[in-house]
Amino acid sequence: MTIDELKTLLLCSLGINYAILLLWFAVFVGAHDWLYRLHGRWFKFSVETFDALHYAGMAVYKIVVILLNLVPLLALWALYPA
């Protein structure tokens, strides 16, 4: 795999992961009550706990995407400019 292919792969991966994050946020905001009822069938927790878990999950996912996709991509762009 060449450096250019790796850059393309990381860029596509970054785009897909941010699309997943945005979809997660949109469903969380747009269908909050339905999502809470769905998860409430399996787990017993308050709305505040439910919200905190989702925000924490989104934060961890975002940090992982930044560390595993964006930082290597920026490093490759810095070391191997087009």
N, C-alpha and C. Protein backbone atom coordinates (compact mmCIF):
# COMPACT_ATOMS: atom_id res chain seq x y z
N MET A 1 0.85 -1.17 0.00
CA MET A 1 0.00 0.00 0.00
C MET A 1 0.90 1.24 0.00
N THR A 2 0.62 2.13 -0.91
CA THR A 2 1.41 3.35 -1.01
C THR A 2 0.92 4.39 0.00
N ILE A 3 1.70 5.44 0.16
CA ILE A 3 1.34 6.53 1.08
C ILE A 3 0.05 7.21 0.61
N ASP A 4 -0.08 7.41 -0.69
CA ASP A 4 -1.30 8.06 -1.20
C ASP A 4 -2.53 7.20 -0.96
N GLU A 5 -2.39 5.90 -1.12
CA GLU A 5 -3.52 5.00 -0.83
C GLU A 5 -3.88 5.01 0.65
N LEU A 6 -2.87 5.08 1.50
CA LEU A 6 -3.11 5.14 2.93
C LEU A 6 -3.81 6.45 3.32
N LYS A 7 -3.39 7.55 2.70
CA LYS A 7 -4.06 8.83 2.95
C LYS A 7 -5.53 8.76 2.54
N THR A 8 -5.78 8.17 1.37
CA THR A 8 -7.16 8.03 0.89
C THR A 8 -7.97 7.15 1.82
N LEU A 9 -7.38 6.06 2.27
CA LEU A 9 -8.08 5.16 3.19
C LEU A 9 -8.42 5.86 4.50
N LEU A 10 -7.46 6.58 5.06
CA LEU A 10 -7.71 7.29 6.31
C LEU A 10 -8.76 8.38 6.14
N LEU A 11 -8.73 9.07 5.02
CA LEU A 11 -9.72 10.11 4.76
C LEU A 11 -11.12 9.52 4.62
N CYS A 12 -11.25 8.42 3.90
CA CYS A 12 -12.55 7.75 3.76
C CYS A 12 -13.03 7.22 5.10
N SER A 13 -12.14 6.64 5.87
CA SER A 13 -12.48 6.13 7.20
C SER A 13 -12.93 7.26 8.11
N LEU A 14 -12.26 8.39 8.03
CA LEU A 14 -12.64 9.56 8.83
C LEU A 14 -14.04 10.02 8.45
N GLY A 15 -14.32 10.09 7.16
CA GLY A 15 -15.64 10.50 6.70
C GLY A 15 -16.74 9.56 7.15
N ILE A 16 -16.50 8.26 7.04
CA ILE A 16 -17.49 7.26 7.45
C ILE A 16 -17.73 7.33 8.95
N ASN A 17 -16.66 7.45 9.73
CA ASN A 17 -16.81 7.50 11.18
C ASN A 17 -17.54 8.76 11.64
N TYR A 18 -17.26 9.90 11.00
CA TYR A 18 -17.98 11.11 11.37
C TYR A 18 -19.44 11.05 10.94
N ALA A 19 -19.72 10.36 9.82
CA ALA A 19 -21.11 10.17 9.41
C ALA A 19 -21.86 9.31 10.43
N ILE A 20 -21.20 8.29 10.95
CA ILE A 20 -21.81 7.46 12.00
C ILE A 20 -22.06 8.30 13.24
N LEU A 21 -21.10 9.12 13.62
CA LEU A 21 -21.25 9.97 14.80
C LEU A 21 -22.40 10.96 14.62
N LEU A 22 -22.50 11.57 13.44
CA LEU A 22 -23.59 12.51 13.18
C LEU A 22 -24.94 11.81 13.15
N LEU A 23 -25.00 10.61 12.60
CA LEU A 23 -26.24 9.83 12.59
C LEU A 23 -26.66 9.49 14.02
N TRP A 24 -25.70 9.06 14.83
CA TRP A 24 -25.97 8.75 16.23
C TRP A 24 -26.55 9.96 16.95
N PHE A 25 -25.91 11.12 16.75
CA PHE A 25 -26.40 12.35 17.38
C PHE A 25 -27.79 12.72 16.88
N ALA A 26 -28.02 12.60 15.57
CA ALA A 26 -29.32 12.96 15.00
C ALA A 26 -30.43 12.05 15.54
N VAL A 27 -30.16 10.76 15.63
CA VAL A 27 -31.16 9.83 16.18
C VAL A 27 -31.36 10.11 17.67
N PHE A 28 -30.29 10.39 18.37
CA PHE A 28 -30.39 10.69 19.80
C PHE A 28 -31.24 11.93 20.05
N VAL A 29 -31.05 12.97 19.25
CA VAL A 29 -31.81 14.20 19.44
C VAL A 29 -33.21 14.07 18.86
N GLY A 30 -33.33 13.51 17.66
CA GLY A 30 -34.61 13.46 16.98
C GLY A 30 -35.58 12.41 17.49
N ALA A 31 -35.05 11.31 17.98
CA ALA A 31 -35.91 10.21 18.44
C ALA A 31 -35.55 9.83 19.87
N HIS A 32 -35.31 10.82 20.70
CA HIS A 32 -34.85 10.58 22.07
C HIS A 32 -35.82 9.71 22.86
N ASP A 33 -37.09 10.05 22.84
CA ASP A 33 -38.07 9.30 23.63
C ASP A 33 -38.19 7.86 23.15
N TRP A 34 -38.22 7.66 21.84
CA TRP A 34 -38.31 6.31 21.30
C TRP A 34 -37.07 5.50 21.67
N LEU A 35 -35.91 6.13 21.56
CA LEU A 35 -34.66 5.45 21.89
C LEU A 35 -34.61 5.10 23.37
N TYR A 36 -35.10 6.01 24.22
CA TYR A 36 -35.13 5.75 25.66
C TYR A 36 -36.07 4.59 25.97
N ARG A 37 -37.24 4.56 25.34
CA ARG A 37 -38.17 3.45 25.56
C ARG A 37 -37.59 2.13 25.08
N LEU A 38 -36.91 2.16 23.94
CA LEU A 38 -36.29 0.94 23.40
C LEU A 38 -35.25 0.39 24.36
N HIS A 39 -34.37 1.25 24.85
CA HIS A 39 -33.34 0.79 25.78
C HIS A 39 -33.92 0.52 27.17
N GLY A 40 -35.00 1.21 27.51
CA GLY A 40 -35.65 1.00 28.80
C GLY A 40 -36.24 -0.39 28.97
N ARG A 41 -36.47 -1.07 27.86
CA ARG A 41 -36.97 -2.46 27.94
C ARG A 41 -35.90 -3.40 28.51
N TRP A 42 -34.65 -3.10 28.23
CA TRP A 42 -33.56 -3.98 28.66
C TRP A 42 -32.86 -3.50 29.92
N PHE A 43 -32.76 -2.19 30.07
CA PHE A 43 -32.02 -1.62 31.18
C PHE A 43 -32.91 -0.65 31.95
N LYS A 44 -32.75 -0.66 33.24
CA LYS A 44 -33.53 0.25 34.08
C LYS A 44 -32.63 1.39 34.54
N PHE A 45 -32.77 2.55 33.90
CA PHE A 45 -32.04 3.73 34.33
C PHE A 45 -32.86 4.97 34.02
N SER A 46 -32.51 6.07 34.68
CA SER A 46 -33.25 7.31 34.52
C SER A 46 -32.90 7.97 33.19
N VAL A 47 -33.69 8.97 32.84
CA VAL A 47 -33.43 9.72 31.61
C VAL A 47 -32.08 10.42 31.69
N GLU A 48 -31.75 10.94 32.86
CA GLU A 48 -30.47 11.63 33.03
C GLU A 48 -29.29 10.68 32.82
N THR A 49 -29.41 9.47 33.35
CA THR A 49 -28.36 8.46 33.17
C THR A 49 -28.26 8.05 31.71
N PHE A 50 -29.41 7.88 31.07
CA PHE A 50 -29.45 7.53 29.65
C PHE A 50 -28.73 8.60 28.82
N ASP A 51 -29.05 9.87 29.09
CA ASP A 51 -28.42 10.97 28.36
C ASP A 51 -26.91 11.00 28.62
N ALA A 52 -26.51 10.84 29.87
CA ALA A 52 -25.09 10.86 30.21
C ALA A 52 -24.33 9.73 29.53
N LEU A 53 -24.93 8.55 29.47
CA LEU A 53 -24.28 7.42 28.82
C LEU A 53 -24.09 7.68 27.33
N HIS A 54 -25.11 8.23 26.69
CA HIS A 54 -24.99 8.50 25.25
C HIS A 54 -23.97 9.61 24.96
N TYR A 55 -23.99 10.67 25.74
CA TYR A 55 -23.01 11.74 25.54
C TYR A 55 -21.59 11.23 25.79
N ALA A 56 -21.41 10.42 26.82
CA ALA A 56 -20.09 9.84 27.09
C ALA A 56 -19.67 8.91 25.96
N GLY A 57 -20.60 8.11 25.47
CA GLY A 57 -20.29 7.21 24.36
C GLY A 57 -19.89 7.97 23.11
N MET A 58 -20.62 9.05 22.82
CA MET A 58 -20.26 9.87 21.66
C MET A 58 -18.90 10.53 21.84
N ALA A 59 -18.60 10.97 23.06
CA ALA A 59 -17.31 11.59 23.33
C ALA A 59 -16.16 10.60 23.15
N VAL A 60 -16.32 9.41 23.68
CA VAL A 60 -15.27 8.37 23.54
C VAL A 60 -15.10 8.00 22.07
N TYR A 61 -16.20 7.83 21.35
CA TYR A 61 -16.14 7.48 19.93
C TYR A 61 -15.40 8.58 19.16
N LYS A 62 -15.73 9.82 19.45
CA LYS A 62 -15.09 10.95 18.77
C LYS A 62 -13.59 11.00 19.06
N ILE A 63 -13.20 10.78 20.29
CA ILE A 63 -11.78 10.77 20.65
C ILE A 63 -11.04 9.65 19.93
N VAL A 64 -11.65 8.48 19.87
CA VAL A 64 -11.03 7.34 19.17
C VAL A 64 -10.88 7.64 17.69
N VAL A 65 -11.90 8.23 17.07
CA VAL A 65 -11.82 8.59 15.65
C VAL A 65 -10.70 9.60 15.43
N ILE A 66 -10.59 10.58 16.29
CA ILE A 66 -9.54 11.58 16.14
C ILE A 66 -8.16 10.94 16.28
N LEU A 67 -7.99 10.07 17.29
CA LEU A 67 -6.68 9.47 17.53
C LEU A 67 -6.29 8.45 16.46
N LEU A 68 -7.26 7.70 15.94
CA LEU A 68 -6.93 6.62 15.02
C LEU A 68 -7.08 6.98 13.54
N ASN A 69 -7.76 8.08 13.24
CA ASN A 69 -7.94 8.48 11.84
C ASN A 69 -7.35 9.84 11.53
N LEU A 70 -7.75 10.84 12.29
CA LEU A 70 -7.35 12.21 11.96
C LEU A 70 -5.87 12.47 12.23
N VAL A 71 -5.37 12.07 13.37
CA VAL A 71 -3.97 12.33 13.72
C VAL A 71 -3.01 11.64 12.74
N PRO A 72 -3.21 10.35 12.42
CA PRO A 72 -2.31 9.75 11.42
C PRO A 72 -2.43 10.40 10.04
N LEU A 73 -3.65 10.82 9.67
CA LEU A 73 -3.82 11.49 8.39
C LEU A 73 -3.08 12.82 8.36
N LEU A 74 -3.19 13.60 9.42
CA LEU A 74 -2.47 14.87 9.48
C LEU A 74 -0.96 14.66 9.48
N ALA A 75 -0.50 13.62 10.15
CA ALA A 75 0.93 13.31 10.15
C ALA A 75 1.42 12.95 8.76
N LEU A 76 0.64 12.15 8.05
CA LEU A 76 1.04 11.79 6.69
C LEU A 76 1.01 12.99 5.77
N TRP A 77 0.03 13.85 5.93
CA TRP A 77 -0.01 15.07 5.11
C TRP A 77 1.18 15.97 5.42
N ALA A 78 1.59 16.03 6.69
CA ALA A 78 2.71 16.88 7.07
C ALA A 78 4.04 16.29 6.57
N LEU A 79 4.19 14.98 6.64
CA LEU A 79 5.45 14.35 6.25
C LEU A 79 5.56 14.13 4.74
N TYR A 80 4.42 13.88 4.09
CA TYR A 80 4.41 13.59 2.65
C TYR A 80 3.39 14.49 1.95
N PRO A 81 3.70 15.76 1.78
CA PRO A 81 2.74 16.64 1.10
C PRO A 81 2.57 16.22 -0.35
N ALA A 82 1.42 16.57 -0.89
CA ALA A 82 1.10 16.18 -2.29
C ALA A 82 2.10 16.79 -3.21
